[in-house]
């Protein structure tokens, strides 16, 4: 999809500077910013908080071995 934007000269200069700092051309950088903004709402937390059990419930049936390694590493002499 092609989108044409009319932006202020100050904003254009800022975008040019930021794109160059990130090693991108302006259109690639602007596309990245728009993509982040489009998906930002999906990753922002809603007002509802979940418990750890609710957060990890999708992993319940994966049979993962999540046991902590009890080896403290190397010996330390004090």
PDB file of N, CA and C in Angstrom:
ATOM      1  N   UNK A   1       0.846  -1.162   0.000  1.00  0.00           N
ATOM      2  CA  UNK A   1       0.000   0.000   0.000  1.00  0.00           C
ATOM      3  C   UNK A   1       0.898   1.233   0.000  1.00  0.00           C
ATOM      4  N   UNK A   2       0.513   2.207  -0.745  1.00  0.00           N
ATOM      5  CA  UNK A   2       1.256   3.457  -0.779  1.00  0.00           C
ATOM      6  C   UNK A   2       0.443   4.529  -0.083  1.00  0.00           C
ATOM      7  N   UNK A   3       1.084   5.270   0.808  1.00  0.00           N
ATOM      8  CA  UNK A   3       0.441   6.350   1.550  1.00  0.00           C
ATOM      9  C   UNK A   3       1.278   7.604   1.368  1.00  0.00           C
ATOM     10  N   UNK A   4       0.620   8.717   1.073  1.00  0.00           N
ATOM     11  CA  UNK A   4       1.319   9.991   0.946  1.00  0.00           C
ATOM     12  C   UNK A   4       0.930  10.866   2.126  1.00  0.00           C
ATOM     13  N   UNK A   5       1.925  11.399   2.810  1.00  0.00           N
ATOM     14  CA  UNK A   5       1.686  12.236   3.986  1.00  0.00           C
ATOM     15  C   UNK A   5       2.193  13.644   3.744  1.00  0.00           C
ATOM     16  N   UNK A   6       1.451  14.622   4.206  1.00  0.00           N
ATOM     17  CA  UNK A   6       1.896  16.012   4.216  1.00  0.00           C
ATOM     18  C   UNK A   6       2.351  16.305   5.645  1.00  0.00           C
ATOM     19  N   UNK A   7       3.633  16.557   5.835  1.00  0.00           N
ATOM     20  CA  UNK A   7       4.148  16.819   7.178  1.00  0.00           C
ATOM     21  C   UNK A   7       4.898  18.136   7.200  1.00  0.00           C
ATOM     22  N   UNK A   8       5.024  18.687   8.380  1.00  0.00           N
ATOM     23  CA  UNK A   8       5.721  19.966   8.566  1.00  0.00           C
ATOM     24  C   UNK A   8       7.207  19.783   8.299  1.00  0.00           C
ATOM     25  N   UNK A   9       7.872  20.829   7.838  1.00  0.00           N
ATOM     26  CA  UNK A   9       9.306  20.738   7.561  1.00  0.00           C
ATOM     27  C   UNK A   9      10.141  20.334   8.788  1.00  0.00           C
ATOM     28  N   UNK A  10       9.738  20.798   9.979  1.00  0.00           N
ATOM     29  CA  UNK A  10      10.481  20.436  11.190  1.00  0.00           C
ATOM     30  C   UNK A  10      10.392  18.932  11.442  1.00  0.00           C
ATOM     31  N   UNK A  11       9.208  18.373  11.216  1.00  0.00           N
ATOM     32  CA  UNK A  11       9.019  16.945  11.410  1.00  0.00           C
ATOM     33  C   UNK A  11       9.803  16.159  10.362  1.00  0.00           C
ATOM     34  N   UNK A  12       9.813  16.666   9.143  1.00  0.00           N
ATOM     35  CA  UNK A  12      10.571  16.001   8.080  1.00  0.00           C
ATOM     36  C   UNK A  12      12.053  15.963   8.425  1.00  0.00           C
ATOM     37  N   UNK A  13      12.569  17.063   8.950  1.00  0.00           N
ATOM     38  CA  UNK A  13      13.982  17.113   9.336  1.00  0.00           C
ATOM     39  C   UNK A  13      14.271  16.134  10.463  1.00  0.00           C
ATOM     40  N   UNK A  14      13.367  16.052  11.427  1.00  0.00           N
ATOM     41  CA  UNK A  14      13.533  15.121  12.542  1.00  0.00           C
ATOM     42  C   UNK A  14      13.509  13.680  12.051  1.00  0.00           C
ATOM     43  N   UNK A  15      12.572  13.369  11.150  1.00  0.00           N
ATOM     44  CA  UNK A  15      12.502  12.015  10.604  1.00  0.00           C
ATOM     45  C   UNK A  15      13.764  11.663   9.827  1.00  0.00           C
ATOM     46  N   UNK A  16      14.268  12.611   9.042  1.00  0.00           N
ATOM     47  CA  UNK A  16      15.515  12.385   8.298  1.00  0.00           C
ATOM     48  C   UNK A  16      16.664  12.068   9.249  1.00  0.00           C
ATOM     49  N   UNK A  17      16.771  12.864  10.302  1.00  0.00           N
ATOM     50  CA  UNK A  17      17.845  12.680  11.276  1.00  0.00           C
ATOM     51  C   UNK A  17      17.728  11.325  11.980  1.00  0.00           C
ATOM     52  N   UNK A  18      16.519  10.983  12.447  1.00  0.00           N
ATOM     53  CA  UNK A  18      16.316   9.725  13.158  1.00  0.00           C
ATOM     54  C   UNK A  18      16.512   8.516  12.248  1.00  0.00           C
ATOM     55  N   UNK A  19      16.067   8.634  10.996  1.00  0.00           N
ATOM     56  CA  UNK A  19      16.246   7.538  10.041  1.00  0.00           C
ATOM     57  C   UNK A  19      17.728   7.298   9.786  1.00  0.00           C
ATOM     58  N   UNK A  20      18.474   8.374   9.604  1.00  0.00           N
ATOM     59  CA  UNK A  20      19.909   8.240   9.376  1.00  0.00           C
ATOM     60  C   UNK A  20      20.601   7.631  10.592  1.00  0.00           C
ATOM     61  N   UNK A  21      20.171   8.035  11.786  1.00  0.00           N
ATOM     62  CA  UNK A  21      20.766   7.502  13.016  1.00  0.00           C
ATOM     63  C   UNK A  21      20.504   6.004  13.162  1.00  0.00           C
ATOM     64  N   UNK A  22      19.417   5.533  12.555  1.00  0.00           N
ATOM     65  CA  UNK A  22      19.072   4.112  12.625  1.00  0.00           C
ATOM     66  C   UNK A  22      19.496   3.348  11.371  1.00  0.00           C
ATOM     67  N   UNK A  23      20.218   4.013  10.474  1.00  0.00           N
ATOM     68  CA  UNK A  23      20.710   3.359   9.268  1.00  0.00           C
ATOM     69  C   UNK A  23      19.620   2.987   8.282  1.00  0.00           C
ATOM     70  N   UNK A  24      18.557   3.784   8.224  1.00  0.00           N
ATOM     71  CA  UNK A  24      17.433   3.508   7.328  1.00  0.00           C
ATOM     72  C   UNK A  24      17.167   4.713   6.445  1.00  0.00           C
ATOM     73  N   UNK A  25      16.438   4.482   5.343  1.00  0.00           N
ATOM     74  CA  UNK A  25      15.967   5.631   4.591  1.00  0.00           C
ATOM     75  C   UNK A  25      14.654   6.092   5.233  1.00  0.00           C
ATOM     76  N   UNK A  26      14.201   7.274   4.869  1.00  0.00           N
ATOM     77  CA  UNK A  26      13.054   7.879   5.561  1.00  0.00           C
ATOM     78  C   UNK A  26      11.789   7.040   5.403  1.00  0.00           C
ATOM     79  N   UNK A  27      11.521   6.526   4.217  1.00  0.00           N
ATOM     80  CA  UNK A  27      10.289   5.765   4.023  1.00  0.00           C
ATOM     81  C   UNK A  27      10.297   4.468   4.837  1.00  0.00           C
ATOM     82  N   UNK A  28      11.450   3.820   4.916  1.00  0.00           N
ATOM     83  CA  UNK A  28      11.559   2.600   5.722  1.00  0.00           C
ATOM     84  C   UNK A  28      11.360   2.922   7.207  1.00  0.00           C
ATOM     85  N   UNK A  29      11.977   4.021   7.669  1.00  0.00           N
ATOM     86  CA  UNK A  29      11.852   4.421   9.069  1.00  0.00           C
ATOM     87  C   UNK A  29      10.409   4.804   9.407  1.00  0.00           C
ATOM     88  N   UNK A  30       9.768   5.576   8.522  1.00  0.00           N
ATOM     89  CA  UNK A  30       8.378   5.980   8.751  1.00  0.00           C
ATOM     90  C   UNK A  30       7.465   4.761   8.783  1.00  0.00           C
ATOM     91  N   UNK A  31       7.719   3.792   7.909  1.00  0.00           N
ATOM     92  CA  UNK A  31       6.933   2.564   7.892  1.00  0.00           C
ATOM     93  C   UNK A  31       7.079   1.815   9.213  1.00  0.00           C
ATOM     94  N   UNK A  32       8.303   1.785   9.744  1.00  0.00           N
ATOM     95  CA  UNK A  32       8.550   1.126  11.029  1.00  0.00           C
ATOM     96  C   UNK A  32       7.784   1.824  12.152  1.00  0.00           C
ATOM     97  N   UNK A  33       7.793   3.160  12.141  1.00  0.00           N
ATOM     98  CA  UNK A  33       7.070   3.908  13.177  1.00  0.00           C
ATOM     99  C   UNK A  33       5.571   3.657  13.101  1.00  0.00           C
ATOM    100  N   UNK A  34       5.034   3.624  11.888  1.00  0.00           N
ATOM    101  CA  UNK A  34       3.597   3.389  11.717  1.00  0.00           C
ATOM    102  C   UNK A  34       3.235   1.978  12.167  1.00  0.00           C
ATOM    103  N   UNK A  35       4.087   1.019  11.840  1.00  0.00           N
ATOM    104  CA  UNK A  35       3.842  -0.364  12.249  1.00  0.00           C
ATOM    105  C   UNK A  35       3.840  -0.487  13.764  1.00  0.00           C
ATOM    106  N   UNK A  36       4.800   0.145  14.417  1.00  0.00           N
ATOM    107  CA  UNK A  36       4.840   0.111  15.895  1.00  0.00           C
ATOM    108  C   UNK A  36       3.583   0.728  16.491  1.00  0.00           C
ATOM    109  N   UNK A  37       3.152   1.865  15.921  1.00  0.00           N
ATOM    110  CA  UNK A  37       1.968   2.548  16.432  1.00  0.00           C
ATOM    111  C   UNK A  37       0.719   1.701  16.232  1.00  0.00           C
ATOM    112  N   UNK A  38       0.645   0.997  15.102  1.00  0.00           N
ATOM    113  CA  UNK A  38      -0.525   0.177  14.812  1.00  0.00           C
ATOM    114  C   UNK A  38      -0.659  -0.980  15.796  1.00  0.00           C
ATOM    115  N   UNK A  39       0.480  -1.552  16.206  1.00  0.00           N
ATOM    116  CA  UNK A  39       0.437  -2.698  17.105  1.00  0.00           C
ATOM    117  C   UNK A  39       0.604  -2.303  18.571  1.00  0.00           C
ATOM    118  N   UNK A  40       0.853  -1.039  18.859  1.00  0.00           N
ATOM    119  CA  UNK A  40       1.085  -0.596  20.240  1.00  0.00           C
ATOM    120  C   UNK A  40      -0.140  -0.842  21.108  1.00  0.00           C
ATOM    121  N   UNK A  41      -1.323  -0.634  20.571  1.00  0.00           N
ATOM    122  CA  UNK A  41      -2.535  -0.828  21.365  1.00  0.00           C
ATOM    123  C   UNK A  41      -2.684  -2.288  21.768  1.00  0.00           C
ATOM    124  N   UNK A  42      -2.257  -3.192  20.900  1.00  0.00           N
ATOM    125  CA  UNK A  42      -2.389  -4.617  21.203  1.00  0.00           C
ATOM    126  C   UNK A  42      -1.478  -5.044  22.346  1.00  0.00           C
ATOM    127  N   UNK A  43      -0.335  -4.361  22.532  1.00  0.00           N
ATOM    128  CA  UNK A  43       0.589  -4.775  23.579  1.00  0.00           C
ATOM    129  C   UNK A  43       0.504  -3.917  24.835  1.00  0.00           C
ATOM    130  N   UNK A  44      -0.265  -2.810  24.770  1.00  0.00           N
ATOM    131  CA  UNK A  44      -0.408  -1.989  25.969  1.00  0.00           C
ATOM    132  C   UNK A  44      -1.323  -2.699  26.951  1.00  0.00           C
ATOM    133  N   UNK A  45      -0.981  -2.620  28.223  1.00  0.00           N
ATOM    134  CA  UNK A  45      -1.824  -3.292  29.208  1.00  0.00           C
ATOM    135  C   UNK A  45      -3.179  -2.615  29.331  1.00  0.00           C
ATOM    136  N   UNK A  46      -4.202  -3.410  29.425  1.00  0.00           N
ATOM    137  CA  UNK A  46      -5.526  -2.856  29.675  1.00  0.00           C
ATOM    138  C   UNK A  46      -5.628  -2.570  31.169  1.00  0.00           C
ATOM    139  N   UNK A  47      -6.714  -2.032  31.593  1.00  0.00           N
ATOM    140  CA  UNK A  47      -6.899  -1.732  32.999  1.00  0.00           C
ATOM    141  C   UNK A  47      -6.996  -2.993  33.846  1.00  0.00           C
ATOM    142  N   UNK A  48      -7.210  -4.128  33.190  1.00  0.00           N
ATOM    143  CA  UNK A  48      -7.372  -5.398  33.895  1.00  0.00           C
ATOM    144  C   UNK A  48      -6.025  -6.067  34.116  1.00  0.00           C
ATOM    145  N   UNK A  49      -5.745  -6.483  35.327  1.00  0.00           N
ATOM    146  CA  UNK A  49      -4.494  -7.167  35.647  1.00  0.00           C
ATOM    147  C   UNK A  49      -4.746  -8.660  35.755  1.00  0.00           C
ATOM    148  N   UNK A  50      -3.751  -9.443  35.320  1.00  0.00           N
ATOM    149  CA  UNK A  50      -3.869 -10.886  35.396  1.00  0.00           C
ATOM    150  C   UNK A  50      -2.898 -11.432  36.424  1.00  0.00           C
ATOM    151  N   UNK A  51      -3.259 -12.557  37.007  1.00  0.00           N
ATOM    152  CA  UNK A  51      -2.359 -13.226  37.935  1.00  0.00           C
ATOM    153  C   UNK A  51      -1.312 -13.998  37.125  1.00  0.00           C
ATOM    154  N   UNK A  52      -0.236 -14.431  37.778  1.00  0.00           N
ATOM    155  CA  UNK A  52       0.775 -15.237  37.099  1.00  0.00           C
ATOM    156  C   UNK A  52       0.174 -16.529  36.565  1.00  0.00           C
ATOM    157  N   UNK A  53      -0.736 -17.110  37.300  1.00  0.00           N
ATOM    158  CA  UNK A  53      -1.382 -18.339  36.855  1.00  0.00           C
ATOM    159  C   UNK A  53      -2.131 -18.102  35.547  1.00  0.00           C
ATOM    160  N   UNK A  54      -2.833 -16.981  35.455  1.00  0.00           N
ATOM    161  CA  UNK A  54      -3.562 -16.660  34.226  1.00  0.00           C
ATOM    162  C   UNK A  54      -2.601 -16.367  33.069  1.00  0.00           C
ATOM    163  N   UNK A  55      -1.490 -15.702  33.364  1.00  0.00           N
ATOM    164  CA  UNK A  55      -0.519 -15.386  32.311  1.00  0.00           C
ATOM    165  C   UNK A  55       0.129 -16.631  31.734  1.00  0.00           C
ATOM    166  N   UNK A  56       0.428 -17.608  32.593  1.00  0.00           N
ATOM    167  CA  UNK A  56       1.120 -18.805  32.148  1.00  0.00           C
ATOM    168  C   UNK A  56       0.183 -19.961  31.802  1.00  0.00           C
ATOM    169  N   UNK A  57      -1.115 -19.784  31.905  1.00  0.00           N
ATOM    170  CA  UNK A  57      -2.048 -20.866  31.612  1.00  0.00           C
ATOM    171  C   UNK A  57      -1.932 -21.400  30.181  1.00  0.00           C
ATOM    172  N   UNK A  58      -1.594 -20.606  29.162  1.00  0.00           N
ATOM    173  CA  UNK A  58      -1.427 -21.191  27.825  1.00  0.00           C
ATOM    174  C   UNK A  58      -0.286 -22.203  27.757  1.00  0.00           C
ATOM    175  N   UNK A  59       0.648 -22.159  28.704  1.00  0.00           N
ATOM    176  CA  UNK A  59       1.787 -23.080  28.706  1.00  0.00           C
ATOM    177  C   UNK A  59       1.502 -24.362  29.478  1.00  0.00           C
ATOM    178  N   UNK A  60       0.337 -24.457  30.068  1.00  0.00           N
ATOM    179  CA  UNK A  60       0.000 -25.559  30.969  1.00  0.00           C
ATOM    180  C   UNK A  60       0.193 -26.932  30.331  1.00  0.00           C
ATOM    181  N   UNK A  61      -0.213 -27.109  29.104  1.00  0.00           N
ATOM    182  CA  UNK A  61      -0.177 -28.434  28.480  1.00  0.00           C
ATOM    183  C   UNK A  61       1.079 -28.687  27.648  1.00  0.00           C
ATOM    184  N   UNK A  62       2.093 -27.871  27.784  1.00  0.00           N
ATOM    185  CA  UNK A  62       3.303 -28.038  26.981  1.00  0.00           C
ATOM    186  C   UNK A  62       4.323 -28.979  27.609  1.00  0.00           C
ATOM    187  N   UNK A  63       4.109 -29.408  28.835  1.00  0.00           N
ATOM    188  CA  UNK A  63       5.018 -30.315  29.544  1.00  0.00           C
ATOM    189  C   UNK A  63       6.452 -29.796  29.559  1.00  0.00           C
ATOM    190  N   UNK A  64       6.633 -28.566  29.951  1.00  0.00           N
ATOM    191  CA  UNK A  64       7.957 -27.963  30.034  1.00  0.00           C
ATOM    192  C   UNK A  64       8.620 -28.316  31.351  1.00  0.00           C
ATOM    193  N   UNK A  65       9.909 -28.577  31.325  1.00  0.00           N
ATOM    194  CA  UNK A  65      10.664 -28.835  32.536  1.00  0.00           C
ATOM    195  C   UNK A  65      11.271 -27.504  32.987  1.00  0.00           C
ATOM    196  N   UNK A  66      10.646 -26.860  33.936  1.00  0.00           N
ATOM    197  CA  UNK A  66      11.075 -25.544  34.382  1.00  0.00           C
ATOM    198  C   UNK A  66      11.789 -25.578  35.725  1.00  0.00           C
ATOM    199  N   UNK A  67      12.356 -26.716  36.069  1.00  0.00           N
ATOM    200  CA  UNK A  67      13.047 -26.843  37.339  1.00  0.00           C
ATOM    201  C   UNK A  67      14.326 -26.022  37.317  1.00  0.00           C
ATOM    202  N   UNK A  68      14.596 -25.341  38.404  1.00  0.00           N
ATOM    203  CA  UNK A  68      15.785 -24.498  38.526  1.00  0.00           C
ATOM    204  C   UNK A  68      17.021 -25.351  38.714  1.00  0.00           C
ATOM    205  N   UNK A  69      18.117 -24.943  38.088  1.00  0.00           N
ATOM    206  CA  UNK A  69      19.395 -25.632  38.253  1.00  0.00           C
ATOM    207  C   UNK A  69      19.904 -25.335  39.663  1.00  0.00           C
ATOM    208  N   UNK A  70      20.094 -26.367  40.466  1.00  0.00           N
ATOM    209  CA  UNK A  70      20.516 -26.190  41.857  1.00  0.00           C
ATOM    210  C   UNK A  70      22.020 -25.999  42.005  1.00  0.00           C
ATOM    211  N   UNK A  71      22.784 -26.161  40.938  1.00  0.00           N
ATOM    212  CA  UNK A  71      24.230 -25.991  40.986  1.00  0.00           C
ATOM    213  C   UNK A  71      24.549 -24.503  41.143  1.00  0.00           C
ATOM    214  N   UNK A  72      25.192 -24.104  42.257  1.00  0.00           N
ATOM    215  CA  UNK A  72      25.461 -22.685  42.478  1.00  0.00           C
ATOM    216  C   UNK A  72      26.597 -22.142  41.621  1.00  0.00           C
ATOM    217  N   UNK A  73      27.226 -22.976  40.803  1.00  0.00           N
ATOM    218  CA  UNK A  73      28.327 -22.498  39.976  1.00  0.00           C
ATOM    219  C   UNK A  73      29.658 -22.861  40.612  1.00  0.00           C
ATOM    220  N   UNK A  74      30.618 -21.991  40.517  1.00  0.00           N
ATOM    221  CA  UNK A  74      31.949 -22.298  41.029  1.00  0.00           C
ATOM    222  C   UNK A  74      32.030 -22.106  42.538  1.00  0.00           C
ATOM    223  N   UNK A  75      32.991 -22.773  43.125  1.00  0.00           N
ATOM    224  CA  UNK A  75      33.225 -22.656  44.556  1.00  0.00           C
ATOM    225  C   UNK A  75      33.840 -21.285  44.869  1.00  0.00           C
ATOM    226  N   UNK A  76      33.442 -20.724  45.988  1.00  0.00           N
ATOM    227  CA  UNK A  76      34.004 -19.433  46.414  1.00  0.00           C
ATOM    228  C   UNK A  76      34.653 -19.629  47.762  1.00  0.00           C
ATOM    229  N   UNK A  77      35.943 -19.276  47.851  1.00  0.00           N
ATOM    230  CA  UNK A  77      36.657 -19.359  49.130  1.00  0.00           C
ATOM    231  C   UNK A  77      36.721 -17.984  49.754  1.00  0.00           C
ATOM    232  N   UNK A  78      36.271 -17.904  50.986  1.00  0.00           N
ATOM    233  CA  UNK A  78      36.310 -16.615  51.690  1.00  0.00           C
ATOM    234  C   UNK A  78      37.392 -16.600  52.726  1.00  0.00           C
TER     235      UNK A  78
END
